[in-house]
Amino acid sequence: GGNLNQISRVELMHKLARTEQPTSVPVTDMFCPNIPTATSRSVLLKNMFNPEDETEPGWDSELRDDVKSLCE
């Protein structure tokens, strides 16, 4: 071999590795999926009552009406 400076040494290493210089990919060419967001009007309510404590008749209707009025 001959005298190698730093640049020629790097070029030789790339040739021997058989890899190409990394090229930068423009951001616009990257894959960006267009996933529509689904809107929902549903609300999940948990732990709104304890069935052991609710002994009054019509408690379920009262709870339903309270929740409905809060959501409107």
PDB file of N, CA and C in Angstrom:
ATOM      1  N   GLY A   1       0.788  -1.163   0.000  1.00  0.00           N
ATOM      2  CA  GLY A   1       0.000   0.000   0.000  1.00  0.00           C
ATOM      3  C   GLY A   1       0.843   1.245   0.000  1.00  0.00           C
ATOM      4  N   GLY A   2       0.183   2.299  -0.299  1.00  0.00           N
ATOM      5  CA  GLY A   2       0.849   3.585  -0.326  1.00  0.00           C
ATOM      6  C   GLY A   2       0.504   4.383   0.903  1.00  0.00           C
ATOM      7  N   ASN A   3       0.976   5.604   0.905  1.00  0.00           N
ATOM      8  CA  ASN A   3       0.655   6.509   2.000  1.00  0.00           C
ATOM      9  C   ASN A   3      -0.817   6.905   1.902  1.00  0.00           C
ATOM     10  N   LEU A   4      -1.546   6.739   2.988  1.00  0.00           N
ATOM     11  CA  LEU A   4      -2.959   7.108   3.014  1.00  0.00           C
ATOM     12  C   LEU A   4      -3.151   8.250   3.994  1.00  0.00           C
ATOM     13  N   ASN A   5      -3.790   9.287   3.518  1.00  0.00           N
ATOM     14  CA  ASN A   5      -4.165  10.335   4.462  1.00  0.00           C
ATOM     15  C   ASN A   5      -5.537   9.969   5.037  1.00  0.00           C
ATOM     16  N   GLN A   6      -6.043  10.783   5.907  1.00  0.00           N
ATOM     17  CA  GLN A   6      -7.286  10.444   6.602  1.00  0.00           C
ATOM     18  C   GLN A   6      -8.451  10.304   5.631  1.00  0.00           C
ATOM     19  N   ILE A   7      -8.562  11.169   4.644  1.00  0.00           N
ATOM     20  CA  ILE A   7      -9.672  11.128   3.694  1.00  0.00           C
ATOM     21  C   ILE A   7      -9.594   9.884   2.825  1.00  0.00           C
ATOM     22  N   SER A   8      -8.426   9.590   2.287  1.00  0.00           N
ATOM     23  CA  SER A   8      -8.311   8.412   1.433  1.00  0.00           C
ATOM     24  C   SER A   8      -8.497   7.131   2.240  1.00  0.00           C
ATOM     25  N   ARG A   9      -8.136   7.150   3.503  1.00  0.00           N
ATOM     26  CA  ARG A   9      -8.345   5.979   4.359  1.00  0.00           C
ATOM     27  C   ARG A   9      -9.840   5.728   4.554  1.00  0.00           C
ATOM     28  N   VAL A  10     -10.604   6.778   4.775  1.00  0.00           N
ATOM     29  CA  VAL A  10     -12.054   6.650   4.947  1.00  0.00           C
ATOM     30  C   VAL A  10     -12.688   6.158   3.655  1.00  0.00           C
ATOM     31  N   GLU A  11     -12.252   6.710   2.512  1.00  0.00           N
ATOM     32  CA  GLU A  11     -12.788   6.266   1.228  1.00  0.00           C
ATOM     33  C   GLU A  11     -12.482   4.796   0.990  1.00  0.00           C
ATOM     34  N   LEU A  12     -11.273   4.360   1.313  1.00  0.00           N
ATOM     35  CA  LEU A  12     -10.894   2.963   1.151  1.00  0.00           C
ATOM     36  C   LEU A  12     -11.739   2.068   2.054  1.00  0.00           C
ATOM     37  N   MET A  13     -11.976   2.494   3.274  1.00  0.00           N
ATOM     38  CA  MET A  13     -12.793   1.699   4.193  1.00  0.00           C
ATOM     39  C   MET A  13     -14.218   1.543   3.670  1.00  0.00           C
ATOM     40  N   HIS A  14     -14.768   2.610   3.057  1.00  0.00           N
ATOM     41  CA  HIS A  14     -16.108   2.530   2.482  1.00  0.00           C
ATOM     42  C   HIS A  14     -16.132   1.580   1.296  1.00  0.00           C
ATOM     43  N   LYS A  15     -15.113   1.622   0.470  1.00  0.00           N
ATOM     44  CA  LYS A  15     -15.047   0.713  -0.675  1.00  0.00           C
ATOM     45  C   LYS A  15     -14.943  -0.732  -0.206  1.00  0.00           C
ATOM     46  N   LEU A  16     -14.115  -0.981   0.780  1.00  0.00           N
ATOM     47  CA  LEU A  16     -13.944  -2.344   1.273  1.00  0.00           C
ATOM     48  C   LEU A  16     -15.207  -2.859   1.979  1.00  0.00           C
ATOM     49  N   ALA A  17     -15.926  -1.973   2.617  1.00  0.00           N
ATOM     50  CA  ALA A  17     -17.147  -2.369   3.305  1.00  0.00           C
ATOM     51  C   ALA A  17     -18.302  -2.535   2.330  1.00  0.00           C
ATOM     52  N   ARG A  18     -18.125  -2.076   1.111  1.00  0.00           N
ATOM     53  CA  ARG A  18     -19.152  -2.142   0.060  1.00  0.00           C
ATOM     54  C   ARG A  18     -20.463  -1.502   0.508  1.00  0.00           C
ATOM     55  N   THR A  19     -20.334  -0.406   1.171  1.00  0.00           N
ATOM     56  CA  THR A  19     -21.520   0.355   1.558  1.00  0.00           C
ATOM     57  C   THR A  19     -21.457   1.694   0.868  1.00  0.00           C
ATOM     58  N   GLU A  20     -22.611   2.253   0.684  1.00  0.00           N
ATOM     59  CA  GLU A  20     -22.667   3.559   0.050  1.00  0.00           C
ATOM     60  C   GLU A  20     -22.768   4.623   1.123  1.00  0.00           C
ATOM     61  N   GLN A  21     -22.401   5.816   0.740  1.00  0.00           N
ATOM     62  CA  GLN A  21     -22.501   6.934   1.659  1.00  0.00           C
ATOM     63  C   GLN A  21     -23.969   7.114   2.033  1.00  0.00           C
ATOM     64  N   PRO A  22     -24.256   7.335   3.295  1.00  0.00           N
ATOM     65  CA  PRO A  22     -25.656   7.552   3.674  1.00  0.00           C
ATOM     66  C   PRO A  22     -26.178   8.829   3.041  1.00  0.00           C
ATOM     67  N   THR A  23     -27.355   8.717   2.490  1.00  0.00           N
ATOM     68  CA  THR A  23     -27.984   9.890   1.893  1.00  0.00           C
ATOM     69  C   THR A  23     -29.116  10.315   2.805  1.00  0.00           C
ATOM     70  N   SER A  24     -29.298  11.592   2.891  1.00  0.00           N
ATOM     71  CA  SER A  24     -30.381  12.079   3.739  1.00  0.00           C
ATOM     72  C   SER A  24     -31.687  11.997   2.962  1.00  0.00           C
ATOM     73  N   VAL A  25     -32.727  11.546   3.635  1.00  0.00           N
ATOM     74  CA  VAL A  25     -34.042  11.425   3.031  1.00  0.00           C
ATOM     75  C   VAL A  25     -34.834  12.661   3.421  1.00  0.00           C
ATOM     76  N   PRO A  26     -35.374  13.373   2.426  1.00  0.00           N
ATOM     77  CA  PRO A  26     -36.181  14.545   2.772  1.00  0.00           C
ATOM     78  C   PRO A  26     -37.389  14.133   3.608  1.00  0.00           C
ATOM     79  N   VAL A  27     -37.775  14.999   4.500  1.00  0.00           N
ATOM     80  CA  VAL A  27     -38.886  14.704   5.394  1.00  0.00           C
ATOM     81  C   VAL A  27     -40.166  14.460   4.607  1.00  0.00           C
ATOM     82  N   THR A  28     -40.336  15.120   3.479  1.00  0.00           N
ATOM     83  CA  THR A  28     -41.561  14.965   2.705  1.00  0.00           C
ATOM     84  C   THR A  28     -41.674  13.587   2.075  1.00  0.00           C
ATOM     85  N   ASP A  29     -40.555  12.875   1.907  1.00  0.00           N
ATOM     86  CA  ASP A  29     -40.607  11.549   1.312  1.00  0.00           C
ATOM     87  C   ASP A  29     -40.863  10.456   2.342  1.00  0.00           C
ATOM     88  N   MET A  30     -40.858  10.808   3.600  1.00  0.00           N
ATOM     89  CA  MET A  30     -41.086   9.809   4.633  1.00  0.00           C
ATOM     90  C   MET A  30     -42.562   9.430   4.654  1.00  0.00           C
ATOM     91  N   PHE A  31     -42.859   8.203   5.064  1.00  0.00           N
ATOM     92  CA  PHE A  31     -44.228   7.710   5.113  1.00  0.00           C
ATOM     93  C   PHE A  31     -44.947   8.283   6.325  1.00  0.00           C
ATOM     94  N   CYS A  32     -45.990   9.008   6.079  1.00  0.00           N
ATOM     95  CA  CYS A  32     -46.814   9.563   7.143  1.00  0.00           C
ATOM     96  C   CYS A  32     -48.252   9.129   6.883  1.00  0.00           C
ATOM     97  N   PRO A  33     -48.736   8.116   7.592  1.00  0.00           N
ATOM     98  CA  PRO A  33     -50.094   7.642   7.322  1.00  0.00           C
ATOM     99  C   PRO A  33     -51.129   8.694   7.690  1.00  0.00           C
ATOM    100  N   ASN A  34     -52.166   8.734   6.909  1.00  0.00           N
ATOM    101  CA  ASN A  34     -53.262   9.660   7.161  1.00  0.00           C
ATOM    102  C   ASN A  34     -54.385   8.858   7.804  1.00  0.00           C
ATOM    103  N   ILE A  35     -54.338   8.751   9.117  1.00  0.00           N
ATOM    104  CA  ILE A  35     -55.325   7.969   9.847  1.00  0.00           C
ATOM    105  C   ILE A  35     -56.374   8.923  10.399  1.00  0.00           C
ATOM    106  N   PRO A  36     -57.604   8.785   9.925  1.00  0.00           N
ATOM    107  CA  PRO A  36     -58.640   9.682  10.436  1.00  0.00           C
ATOM    108  C   PRO A  36     -58.979   9.329  11.878  1.00  0.00           C
ATOM    109  N   THR A  37     -59.243  10.353  12.644  1.00  0.00           N
ATOM    110  CA  THR A  37     -59.622  10.117  14.031  1.00  0.00           C
ATOM    111  C   THR A  37     -61.128   9.926  14.096  1.00  0.00           C
ATOM    112  N   ALA A  38     -61.534   8.956  14.846  1.00  0.00           N
ATOM    113  CA  ALA A  38     -62.956   8.670  14.993  1.00  0.00           C
ATOM    114  C   ALA A  38     -63.501   9.466  16.173  1.00  0.00           C
ATOM    115  N   THR A  39     -64.540  10.211  15.912  1.00  0.00           N
ATOM    116  CA  THR A  39     -65.167  10.954  16.996  1.00  0.00           C
ATOM    117  C   THR A  39     -66.231  10.079  17.635  1.00  0.00           C
ATOM    118  N   SER A  40     -66.390  10.225  18.893  1.00  0.00           N
ATOM    119  CA  SER A  40     -67.343   9.400  19.624  1.00  0.00           C
ATOM    120  C   SER A  40     -68.130  10.266  20.587  1.00  0.00           C
ATOM    121  N   ARG A  41     -69.384   9.917  20.742  1.00  0.00           N
ATOM    122  CA  ARG A  41     -70.221  10.628  21.695  1.00  0.00           C
ATOM    123  C   ARG A  41     -70.513   9.744  22.899  1.00  0.00           C
ATOM    124  N   SER A  42     -69.704   8.727  23.071  1.00  0.00           N
ATOM    125  CA  SER A  42     -69.904   7.787  24.173  1.00  0.00           C
ATOM    126  C   SER A  42     -69.054   8.182  25.372  1.00  0.00           C
ATOM    127  N   VAL A  43     -69.601   7.927  26.537  1.00  0.00           N
ATOM    128  CA  VAL A  43     -68.892   8.176  27.784  1.00  0.00           C
ATOM    129  C   VAL A  43     -69.051   6.928  28.644  1.00  0.00           C
ATOM    130  N   LEU A  44     -67.956   6.446  29.190  1.00  0.00           N
ATOM    131  CA  LEU A  44     -67.994   5.283  30.066  1.00  0.00           C
ATOM    132  C   LEU A  44     -67.983   5.757  31.512  1.00  0.00           C
ATOM    133  N   LEU A  45     -69.028   5.406  32.226  1.00  0.00           N
ATOM    134  CA  LEU A  45     -69.151   5.799  33.629  1.00  0.00           C
ATOM    135  C   LEU A  45     -68.954   4.563  34.494  1.00  0.00           C
ATOM    136  N   LYS A  46     -68.089   4.688  35.486  1.00  0.00           N
ATOM    137  CA  LYS A  46     -67.826   3.572  36.392  1.00  0.00           C
ATOM    138  C   LYS A  46     -67.988   4.032  37.835  1.00  0.00           C
ATOM    139  N   ASN A  47     -68.333   3.086  38.673  1.00  0.00           N
ATOM    140  CA  ASN A  47     -68.437   3.328  40.122  1.00  0.00           C
ATOM    141  C   ASN A  47     -69.372   4.493  40.450  1.00  0.00           C
ATOM    142  N   MET A  48     -70.489   4.544  39.768  1.00  0.00           N
ATOM    143  CA  MET A  48     -71.451   5.619  40.001  1.00  0.00           C
ATOM    144  C   MET A  48     -72.324   5.347  41.226  1.00  0.00           C
ATOM    145  N   PHE A  49     -72.414   4.086  41.613  1.00  0.00           N
ATOM    146  CA  PHE A  49     -73.268   3.738  42.738  1.00  0.00           C
ATOM    147  C   PHE A  49     -72.800   2.417  43.339  1.00  0.00           C
ATOM    148  N   ASN A  50     -73.270   2.178  44.540  1.00  0.00           N
ATOM    149  CA  ASN A  50     -73.029   0.905  45.214  1.00  0.00           C
ATOM    150  C   ASN A  50     -74.389   0.225  45.352  1.00  0.00           C
ATOM    151  N   PRO A  51     -74.611  -0.902  44.692  1.00  0.00           N
ATOM    152  CA  PRO A  51     -75.930  -1.542  44.730  1.00  0.00           C
ATOM    153  C   PRO A  51     -76.397  -1.892  46.146  1.00  0.00           C
ATOM    154  N   GLU A  52     -75.472  -2.111  47.068  1.00  0.00           N
ATOM    155  CA  GLU A  52     -75.852  -2.432  48.450  1.00  0.00           C
ATOM    156  C   GLU A  52     -76.435  -1.220  49.172  1.00  0.00           C
ATOM    157  N   ASP A  53     -76.000  -0.016  48.766  1.00  0.00           N
ATOM    158  CA  ASP A  53     -76.486   1.204  49.414  1.00  0.00           C
ATOM    159  C   ASP A  53     -77.771   1.727  48.789  1.00  0.00           C
ATOM    160  N   GLU A  54     -78.071   1.325  47.592  1.00  0.00           N
ATOM    161  CA  GLU A  54     -79.234   1.852  46.873  1.00  0.00           C
ATOM    162  C   GLU A  54     -80.442   0.949  47.131  1.00  0.00           C
ATOM    163  N   THR A  55     -81.273   1.364  48.072  1.00  0.00           N
ATOM    164  CA  THR A  55     -82.447   0.562  48.433  1.00  0.00           C
ATOM    165  C   THR A  55     -83.755   1.271  48.105  1.00  0.00           C
ATOM    166  N   GLU A  56     -83.684   2.553  47.805  1.00  0.00           N
ATOM    167  CA  GLU A  56     -84.889   3.326  47.490  1.00  0.00           C
ATOM    168  C   GLU A  56     -85.464   2.863  46.151  1.00  0.00           C
ATOM    169  N   PRO A  57     -86.765   2.796  46.036  1.00  0.00           N
ATOM    170  CA  PRO A  57     -87.348   2.463  44.732  1.00  0.00           C
ATOM    171  C   PRO A  57     -87.122   3.614  43.750  1.00  0.00           C
ATOM    172  N   GLY A  58     -86.741   3.278  42.523  1.00  0.00           N
ATOM    173  CA  GLY A  58     -86.527   4.289  41.488  1.00  0.00           C
ATOM    174  C   GLY A  58     -85.162   4.942  41.534  1.00  0.00           C
ATOM    175  N   TRP A  59     -84.236   4.412  42.316  1.00  0.00           N
ATOM    176  CA  TRP A  59     -82.896   5.007  42.404  1.00  0.00           C
ATOM    177  C   TRP A  59     -82.187   4.986  41.055  1.00  0.00           C
ATOM    178  N   ASP A  60     -82.446   3.943  40.265  1.00  0.00           N
ATOM    179  CA  ASP A  60     -81.789   3.842  38.962  1.00  0.00           C
ATOM    180  C   ASP A  60     -82.290   4.909  38.002  1.00  0.00           C
ATOM    181  N   SER A  61     -83.589   5.208  38.069  1.00  0.00           N
ATOM    182  CA  SER A  61     -84.141   6.273  37.218  1.00  0.00           C
ATOM    183  C   SER A  61     -83.596   7.637  37.629  1.00  0.00           C
ATOM    184  N   GLU A  62     -83.467   7.843  38.932  1.00  0.00           N
ATOM    185  CA  GLU A  62     -82.920   9.109  39.430  1.00  0.00           C
ATOM    186  C   GLU A  62     -81.466   9.282  38.996  1.00  0.00           C
ATOM    187  N   LEU A  63     -80.687   8.207  39.087  1.00  0.00           N
ATOM    188  CA  LEU A  63     -79.293   8.254  38.647  1.00  0.00           C
ATOM    189  C   LEU A  63     -79.206   8.529  37.148  1.00  0.00           C
ATOM    190  N   ARG A  64     -80.071   7.862  36.376  1.00  0.00           N
ATOM    191  CA  ARG A  64     -80.093   8.078  34.928  1.00  0.00           C
ATOM    192  C   ARG A  64     -80.400   9.535  34.604  1.00  0.00           C
ATOM    193  N   ASP A  65     -81.393  10.098  35.270  1.00  0.00           N
ATOM    194  CA  ASP A  65     -81.771  11.489  35.016  1.00  0.00           C
ATOM    195  C   ASP A  65     -80.654  12.452  35.409  1.00  0.00           C
ATOM    196  N   ASP A  66     -79.972  12.175  36.523  1.00  0.00           N
ATOM    197  CA  ASP A  66     -78.853  13.025  36.951  1.00  0.00           C
ATOM    198  C   ASP A  66     -77.727  13.012  35.918  1.00  0.00           C
ATOM    199  N   VAL A  67     -77.375  11.830  35.451  1.00  0.00           N
ATOM    200  CA  VAL A  67     -76.296  11.716  34.465  1.00  0.00           C
ATOM    201  C   VAL A  67     -76.700  12.400  33.168  1.00  0.00           C
ATOM    202  N   LYS A  68     -77.937  12.186  32.749  1.00  0.00           N
ATOM    203  CA  LYS A  68     -78.417  12.794  31.503  1.00  0.00           C
ATOM    204  C   LYS A  68     -78.384  14.320  31.591  1.00  0.00           C
ATOM    205  N   SER A  69     -78.794  14.872  32.722  1.00  0.00           N
ATOM    206  CA  SER A  69     -78.797  16.334  32.853  1.00  0.00           C
ATOM    207  C   SER A  69     -77.375  16.896  32.883  1.00  0.00           C
ATOM    208  N   LEU A  70     -76.429  16.149  33.452  1.00  0.00           N
ATOM    209  CA  LEU A  70     -75.039  16.616  33.475  1.00  0.00           C
ATOM    210  C   LEU A  70     -74.396  16.564  32.092  1.00  0.00           C
ATOM    211  N   CYS A  71     -74.841  15.639  31.258  1.00  0.00           N
ATOM    212  CA  CYS A  71     -74.240  15.488  29.926  1.00  0.00           C
ATOM    213  C   CYS A  71     -74.817  16.457  28.907  1.00  0.00           C
ATOM    214  N   GLU A  72     -75.961  17.044  29.196  1.00  0.00           N
ATOM    215  CA  GLU A  72     -76.585  17.949  28.218  1.00  0.00           C
ATOM    216  C   GLU A  72     -75.992  19.321  28.247  1.00  0.00           C
TER     217      GLU A  72
END
